[in-house]
Amino acid sequence: LPINFHMNGRSGEDKATVGEISQMRSVIGSLAWVSRQCRPGLSYSCSRLQSVVNGAQVKHLVECNRVLQDAIAESRKGICYKAGSFDWNKSVLVTITDASWAGEEIIRADDRVYARRSQMGRVVLLCDPEIWDGDVANGHIISWKSQLITRLCRSTMQAETQASVRGVEESTFVRAAIADMRGHQGAGSAWEQSSKQTMSHLWLTDCESLHSQLINPVMTTNEDKRLEIDIGSLRQHLWEDSKGEPLDAILNQWPDKCRWIDTSTMLADPLTKMMKADRLEEFLYTGKLDLQPTPESLHSKLMKQACRKKAKESAESDKAV
C-alpha cells in the first residue's frame, strides 16, 4: 500500500511525521525485496530512499509513492533465463561497474544533511566466452547492487575506482563459489588461485581514466593516497602472477582482464542515477549482452572530435599570427 499522507499546506521541504516515516520504511522494505529478487531497475530508487528515510521530508513521501506506482505499473517485468544459451562449464564471469559523482545526500534522524555523496552500481553476469574479445554474447545476470559510497569522493575517478574495487571483490568470491561447484576449488589459502585457473573474469568500466591506469605497465603516483591504494589493489589482479611476481605485459588469456566500454552500453548506469533502464531491461529479457555503442553515441563522439580539432587548429593559427 502507498504512504497515506496529506499535504495540509505543507511544502516539499517540510519534515514528515513519525507515522509517515514508519509507512515509508514499510514501502521501501517491500520495494527493496522486489528489487533484490527480480527488478534490478528499482535498485537505485530503493537505495536513494533508504539514504533519506531517517529524516524524510514531504517530497520524499511523494517520491516513494511514485516509485511504488511505477513498480506496480511494470509488475510484469522481470528476468528471463533462457536454457542452453551458453555452456555453463565454459562461461566467464563479467563484472560491470559504474558510478555517479557527488549527486546524492544522506539525511540523518537529527535532520543533518550530508551532501555531495556518490552512488555506485554493479552488475555481475555469467556469459559466453565470446564476450572476452567480442561485443555480443549470451549471458545471465546473477548479482546486482546499487549502493551509496559513504566516503566523500573528490572526483569521478575516485567514485569509479570505489565501484570497481567493490565489484571485483564481490566477484572474486562469486568465482570461488563457482569453482567449488565445478569441483576445482583448492583448499586453504590456495582458493583464490585455483578459482582463477577455473574461470576467467572480465571487468567492464566506462571510465577511460581508470581503464588507462589499470592497463598501463607503470603505475603512476597520485596525490590521493587512498585512491592510489585502491588502484594498486586492482592492478594486483592484472599485473602479478600466482607467486606475486610482476608481469612484463598483460596477457590476453590472463584470468582477469579489464575492458573499457562506451557509456551508451553501460548496464549499471541506471543503478547509479535516476534514468530509464531500457538497455538493462532489454538484456534481462533477451539474455544478450551487447557492448556495441549506439549510433547516437558514435555521432556525439565524432562531433566532439571535430570541435576539438577545430579549436586546436584555431589556437595554432593564432600562434602563427
Protein backbone atom coordinates (compact mmCIF):
# COMPACT_ATOMS: atom_id res chain seq x y z
CA LEU A 1 0.00 0.00 0.00
CA PRO A 2 1.22 3.56 -0.69
CA ILE A 3 2.02 6.00 2.08
CA ASN A 4 -1.18 7.58 3.34
CA PHE A 5 -0.49 11.29 3.88
CA HIS A 6 -1.96 14.71 3.16
CA MET A 7 -0.15 17.90 2.27
CA ASN A 8 -2.32 20.12 4.52
CA GLY A 9 -0.48 23.21 3.36
CA ARG A 10 2.95 21.67 3.87
CA SER A 11 5.76 22.25 1.37
CA GLY A 12 8.00 19.56 -0.03
CA GLU A 13 10.81 20.65 2.31
CA ASP A 14 8.73 20.14 5.48
CA LYS A 15 9.65 17.19 7.68
CA ALA A 16 7.44 14.09 7.54
CA THR A 17 5.72 12.88 10.68
CA VAL A 18 6.86 9.83 12.65
CA GLY A 19 3.88 7.85 11.36
CA GLU A 20 4.58 8.81 7.75
CA ILE A 21 8.23 7.81 8.10
CA SER A 22 7.13 4.45 9.54
CA GLN A 23 4.90 3.87 6.49
CA MET A 24 7.76 4.91 4.23
CA ARG A 25 10.06 2.31 5.80
CA SER A 26 7.47 -0.36 5.12
CA VAL A 27 7.08 0.63 1.46
CA ILE A 28 10.86 0.83 0.95
CA GLY A 29 11.29 -2.61 2.55
CA SER A 30 8.78 -4.14 0.15
CA LEU A 31 10.32 -2.42 -2.88
CA ALA A 32 13.83 -3.43 -1.81
CA TRP A 33 12.79 -7.09 -1.57
CA VAL A 34 11.34 -7.00 -5.08
CA SER A 35 14.42 -5.23 -6.46
CA ARG A 36 16.74 -7.84 -4.93
CA GLN A 37 14.72 -10.73 -6.36
CA CYS A 38 13.95 -9.76 -9.95
CA ARG A 39 13.87 -5.99 -10.58
CA PRO A 40 17.39 -4.53 -10.79
CA GLY A 41 15.93 -1.36 -12.29
CA LEU A 42 14.39 -0.48 -8.91
CA SER A 43 17.69 -0.77 -7.04
CA TYR A 44 18.75 2.86 -7.36
CA SER A 45 15.40 4.24 -6.23
CA CYS A 46 15.41 1.95 -3.19
CA SER A 47 18.97 2.92 -2.27
CA ARG A 48 18.20 6.62 -2.64
CA LEU A 49 15.09 6.39 -0.47
CA GLN A 50 16.94 4.38 2.19
CA SER A 51 19.53 7.18 2.38
CA VAL A 52 16.93 9.82 3.30
CA VAL A 53 14.24 7.89 5.19
CA ASN A 54 15.61 8.67 8.67
CA GLY A 55 14.98 12.37 8.15
CA ALA A 56 12.42 12.16 5.36
CA GLN A 57 10.67 15.24 4.07
CA VAL A 58 7.30 15.50 2.37
CA LYS A 59 8.93 15.46 -1.08
CA HIS A 60 10.45 12.07 -0.24
CA LEU A 61 7.00 10.68 0.60
CA VAL A 62 5.81 11.80 -2.82
CA GLU A 63 8.85 10.23 -4.48
CA CYS A 64 8.37 6.96 -2.59
CA ASN A 65 4.74 6.67 -3.70
CA ARG A 66 5.75 7.44 -7.29
CA VAL A 67 8.37 4.66 -7.28
CA LEU A 68 5.77 2.28 -5.85
CA GLN A 69 3.25 3.20 -8.56
CA ASP A 70 5.85 2.71 -11.29
CA ALA A 71 6.84 -0.68 -9.86
CA ILE A 72 3.20 -1.82 -9.82
CA ALA A 73 2.56 -0.50 -13.34
CA GLU A 74 5.54 -2.51 -14.63
CA SER A 75 4.97 -5.56 -12.43
CA ARG A 76 5.24 -7.94 -15.41
CA LYS A 77 8.89 -7.03 -15.89
CA GLY A 78 11.49 -9.40 -14.50
CA ILE A 79 14.40 -11.61 -15.52
CA CYS A 80 14.33 -14.24 -18.25
CA TYR A 81 16.90 -17.06 -18.04
CA LYS A 82 16.97 -18.87 -21.37
CA ALA A 83 18.08 -22.50 -21.19
CA GLY A 84 21.04 -23.59 -23.29
CA SER A 85 22.12 -20.06 -24.26
CA PHE A 86 25.74 -20.86 -23.32
CA ASP A 87 27.87 -23.64 -21.82
CA TRP A 88 27.98 -23.36 -18.01
CA ASN A 89 31.35 -25.11 -17.82
CA LYS A 90 32.96 -22.69 -20.29
CA SER A 91 31.28 -19.50 -19.13
CA VAL A 92 33.22 -16.43 -17.98
CA LEU A 93 32.40 -14.07 -15.15
CA VAL A 94 31.66 -10.47 -16.17
CA THR A 95 31.61 -7.61 -13.67
CA ILE A 96 30.19 -4.28 -14.85
CA THR A 97 30.71 -1.30 -12.55
CA ASP A 98 29.71 2.33 -12.76
CA ALA A 99 29.38 5.38 -10.51
CA SER A 100 27.74 8.80 -10.48
CA TRP A 101 29.67 11.56 -8.78
CA ALA A 102 28.53 13.87 -5.96
CA GLY A 103 24.82 13.77 -6.74
CA GLU A 104 23.45 12.12 -3.61
CA GLU A 105 22.80 13.03 0.01
CA ILE A 106 22.27 11.34 3.37
CA ILE A 107 19.68 12.70 5.80
CA ARG A 108 20.03 11.60 9.42
CA ALA A 109 17.27 11.42 12.03
CA ASP A 110 18.57 14.65 13.59
CA ASP A 111 17.98 16.38 10.22
CA ARG A 112 21.68 16.67 9.46
CA VAL A 113 22.29 16.53 5.72
CA TYR A 114 25.49 15.05 4.31
CA ALA A 115 25.57 16.23 0.71
CA ARG A 116 27.73 15.52 -2.34
CA ARG A 117 27.84 11.77 -1.85
CA SER A 118 28.39 9.48 -4.83
CA GLN A 119 26.47 6.39 -5.93
CA MET A 120 27.93 3.17 -7.28
CA GLY A 121 26.28 0.31 -9.10
CA ARG A 122 27.43 -3.10 -10.24
CA VAL A 123 26.07 -5.96 -12.28
CA VAL A 124 27.63 -9.43 -12.27
CA LEU A 125 26.94 -11.80 -15.17
CA LEU A 126 27.79 -15.26 -16.43
CA CYS A 127 28.48 -15.02 -20.16
CA ASP A 128 29.56 -16.99 -23.17
CA PRO A 129 33.37 -16.76 -23.68
CA GLU A 130 32.74 -14.82 -26.91
CA ILE A 131 32.43 -11.66 -24.81
CA TRP A 132 36.12 -11.88 -23.80
CA ASP A 133 37.21 -10.24 -27.06
CA GLY A 134 33.86 -9.66 -28.77
CA ASP A 135 31.00 -7.23 -28.33
CA VAL A 136 27.97 -9.52 -28.33
CA ALA A 137 27.33 -12.69 -26.32
CA ASN A 138 24.62 -14.52 -24.42
CA GLY A 139 24.60 -14.14 -20.66
CA HIS A 140 22.69 -14.44 -17.38
CA ILE A 141 22.61 -11.89 -14.58
CA ILE A 142 23.46 -13.41 -11.20
CA SER A 143 24.02 -10.39 -8.95
CA TRP A 144 23.42 -6.64 -8.86
CA LYS A 145 23.63 -3.79 -6.36
CA SER A 146 23.12 -0.05 -6.10
CA GLN A 147 24.90 1.48 -3.13
CA LEU A 148 25.77 4.87 -1.71
CA ILE A 149 29.50 5.49 -1.34
CA THR A 150 29.85 6.71 2.24
CA ARG A 151 33.34 8.08 1.59
CA LEU A 152 33.23 11.60 0.15
CA CYS A 153 34.76 11.25 -3.32
CA ARG A 154 36.76 14.19 -4.62
CA SER A 155 36.46 13.18 -8.28
CA THR A 156 34.63 10.96 -10.74
CA MET A 157 37.78 8.86 -10.95
CA GLN A 158 37.66 8.15 -7.23
CA ALA A 159 33.98 7.17 -7.34
CA GLU A 160 34.52 4.90 -10.35
CA THR A 161 37.51 3.27 -8.64
CA GLN A 162 35.49 2.62 -5.49
CA ALA A 163 32.78 0.98 -7.59
CA SER A 164 35.33 -1.19 -9.40
CA VAL A 165 37.02 -2.28 -6.16
CA ARG A 166 33.71 -3.36 -4.62
CA GLY A 167 32.62 -5.12 -7.80
CA VAL A 168 35.89 -7.04 -8.25
CA GLU A 169 35.96 -8.04 -4.58
CA GLU A 170 32.43 -9.44 -4.75
CA SER A 171 33.12 -11.28 -7.98
CA THR A 172 36.29 -12.82 -6.54
CA PHE A 173 34.14 -14.70 -4.05
CA VAL A 174 31.50 -15.49 -6.69
CA ARG A 175 34.21 -17.04 -8.88
CA ALA A 176 35.46 -19.09 -5.90
CA ALA A 177 31.92 -20.38 -5.27
CA ILE A 178 31.52 -21.37 -8.93
CA ALA A 179 34.93 -23.10 -8.89
CA ASP A 180 33.73 -25.07 -5.87
CA MET A 181 30.55 -26.05 -7.73
CA ARG A 182 32.69 -27.30 -10.61
CA GLY A 183 34.81 -29.32 -8.19
CA HIS A 184 38.02 -27.35 -8.78
CA GLN A 185 38.32 -25.32 -5.59
CA GLY A 186 41.63 -25.54 -3.77
CA ALA A 187 41.93 -25.89 -0.01
CA GLY A 188 43.25 -23.29 2.44
CA SER A 189 44.96 -20.19 1.11
CA ALA A 190 45.06 -21.60 -2.44
CA TRP A 191 41.37 -20.94 -3.05
CA GLU A 192 41.88 -17.70 -4.98
CA GLN A 193 44.50 -19.08 -7.37
CA SER A 194 42.57 -22.29 -8.01
CA SER A 195 39.42 -20.31 -8.81
CA LYS A 196 41.40 -18.15 -11.26
CA GLN A 197 42.56 -21.28 -13.06
CA THR A 198 38.94 -22.47 -13.26
CA MET A 199 37.23 -19.34 -14.57
CA SER A 200 38.14 -16.13 -16.38
CA HIS A 201 36.90 -12.78 -15.08
CA LEU A 202 36.20 -9.77 -17.32
CA TRP A 203 35.86 -6.29 -15.81
CA LEU A 204 33.91 -3.64 -17.75
CA THR A 205 34.09 0.09 -17.00
CA ASP A 206 33.17 3.23 -18.93
CA CYS A 207 35.75 5.31 -17.05
CA GLU A 208 38.58 5.75 -19.54
CA SER A 209 40.89 7.27 -16.92
CA LEU A 210 40.54 4.25 -14.64
CA HIS A 211 41.00 1.83 -17.52
CA SER A 212 44.17 3.64 -18.62
CA GLN A 213 45.57 3.48 -15.08
CA LEU A 214 44.89 -0.25 -14.84
CA ILE A 215 46.40 -1.32 -18.16
CA ASN A 216 49.41 1.00 -18.00
CA PRO A 217 52.60 -1.09 -17.44
CA VAL A 218 53.84 1.56 -15.00
CA MET A 219 51.67 2.57 -12.06
CA THR A 220 51.57 6.35 -11.76
CA THR A 221 51.64 8.11 -8.41
CA ASN A 222 48.63 10.02 -7.13
CA GLU A 223 48.24 12.85 -4.64
CA ASP A 224 45.33 10.97 -3.08
CA LYS A 225 46.97 8.04 -1.30
CA ARG A 226 43.70 6.23 -0.69
CA LEU A 227 42.91 6.34 -4.40
CA GLU A 228 46.42 5.13 -5.21
CA ILE A 229 46.00 2.16 -2.87
CA ASP A 230 42.63 1.26 -4.41
CA ILE A 231 44.08 1.35 -7.92
CA GLY A 232 47.08 -0.65 -6.74
CA SER A 233 44.83 -3.35 -5.31
CA LEU A 234 43.06 -3.68 -8.67
CA ARG A 235 46.34 -3.78 -10.56
CA GLN A 236 47.49 -6.73 -8.44
CA HIS A 237 44.92 -8.91 -10.19
CA LEU A 238 46.18 -7.83 -13.61
CA TRP A 239 49.93 -7.39 -13.21
CA GLU A 240 51.06 -10.08 -10.77
CA ASP A 241 51.40 -13.83 -11.31
CA SER A 242 50.35 -16.55 -8.86
CA LYS A 243 53.57 -16.04 -6.86
CA GLY A 244 53.15 -12.29 -6.59
CA GLU A 245 55.85 -11.56 -9.16
CA PRO A 246 55.28 -8.62 -11.55
CA LEU A 247 54.42 -9.34 -15.18
CA ASP A 248 56.09 -7.63 -18.13
CA ALA A 249 52.83 -7.40 -20.03
CA ILE A 250 49.16 -8.25 -19.60
CA LEU A 251 48.38 -11.49 -21.39
CA ASN A 252 45.06 -11.72 -23.23
CA GLN A 253 44.36 -15.13 -21.72
CA TRP A 254 45.20 -14.00 -18.19
CA PRO A 255 42.42 -14.93 -15.68
CA ASP A 256 41.48 -11.26 -15.18
CA LYS A 257 41.02 -8.64 -17.88
CA CYS A 258 39.78 -5.04 -17.87
CA ARG A 259 37.99 -3.51 -20.86
CA TRP A 260 36.68 -0.04 -21.50
CA ILE A 261 33.14 0.20 -22.89
CA ASP A 262 31.10 3.10 -24.21
CA THR A 263 28.73 4.71 -21.71
CA SER A 264 25.77 4.01 -24.02
CA THR A 265 26.30 0.27 -23.43
CA MET A 266 26.66 0.51 -19.64
CA LEU A 267 24.14 -1.81 -17.96
CA ALA A 268 24.98 -0.49 -14.48
CA ASP A 269 24.18 3.14 -15.37
CA PRO A 270 20.55 3.05 -14.10
CA LEU A 271 21.88 1.70 -10.79
CA THR A 272 23.72 4.98 -10.18
CA LYS A 273 21.18 7.65 -11.10
CA MET A 274 17.52 8.25 -11.92
CA MET A 275 17.11 7.31 -15.58
CA LYS A 276 15.34 4.87 -17.87
CA ALA A 277 16.78 1.36 -17.68
CA ASP A 278 15.97 0.41 -21.28
CA ARG A 279 19.33 -1.20 -22.06
CA LEU A 280 19.38 -3.15 -18.81
CA GLU A 281 15.78 -4.32 -19.20
CA GLU A 282 16.45 -5.42 -22.77
CA PHE A 283 19.33 -7.59 -21.55
CA LEU A 284 17.20 -9.04 -18.74
CA TYR A 285 14.56 -10.06 -21.30
CA THR A 286 16.75 -11.25 -24.20
CA GLY A 287 19.78 -12.54 -22.29
CA LYS A 288 22.06 -10.96 -24.91
CA LEU A 289 24.86 -8.65 -23.79
CA ASP A 290 25.62 -6.04 -26.44
CA LEU A 291 28.66 -3.79 -25.98
CA GLN A 292 28.34 -2.01 -29.32
CA PRO A 293 27.92 1.77 -28.93
CA THR A 294 24.66 3.31 -30.09
CA PRO A 295 24.67 5.38 -33.32
CA GLU A 296 23.81 8.48 -31.25
CA SER A 297 26.86 7.95 -29.04
CA LEU A 298 29.16 7.47 -32.03
CA HIS A 299 27.78 10.63 -33.66
CA SER A 300 28.29 12.60 -30.44
CA LYS A 301 31.91 11.45 -30.21
CA LEU A 302 32.59 12.44 -33.82
CA MET A 303 31.11 15.89 -33.19
CA LYS A 304 33.30 16.36 -30.10
CA GLN A 305 36.38 15.26 -32.01
CA ALA A 306 35.58 17.74 -34.78
CA CYS A 307 35.15 20.56 -32.24
CA ARG A 308 38.46 19.72 -30.54
CA LYS A 309 40.22 19.60 -33.91
CA LYS A 310 38.75 22.96 -34.90
CA ALA A 311 39.76 24.51 -31.56
CA LYS A 312 43.30 23.16 -31.92
CA GLU A 313 43.64 24.50 -35.47
CA SER A 314 42.32 27.87 -34.33
CA ALA A 315 44.85 28.01 -31.48
CA GLU A 316 47.72 27.13 -33.81
CA SER A 317 46.55 29.76 -36.27
CA ASP A 318 46.54 32.42 -33.52
CA LYS A 319 50.09 31.44 -32.52
CA ALA A 320 51.24 31.75 -36.12
CA VAL A 321 49.88 35.29 -36.31
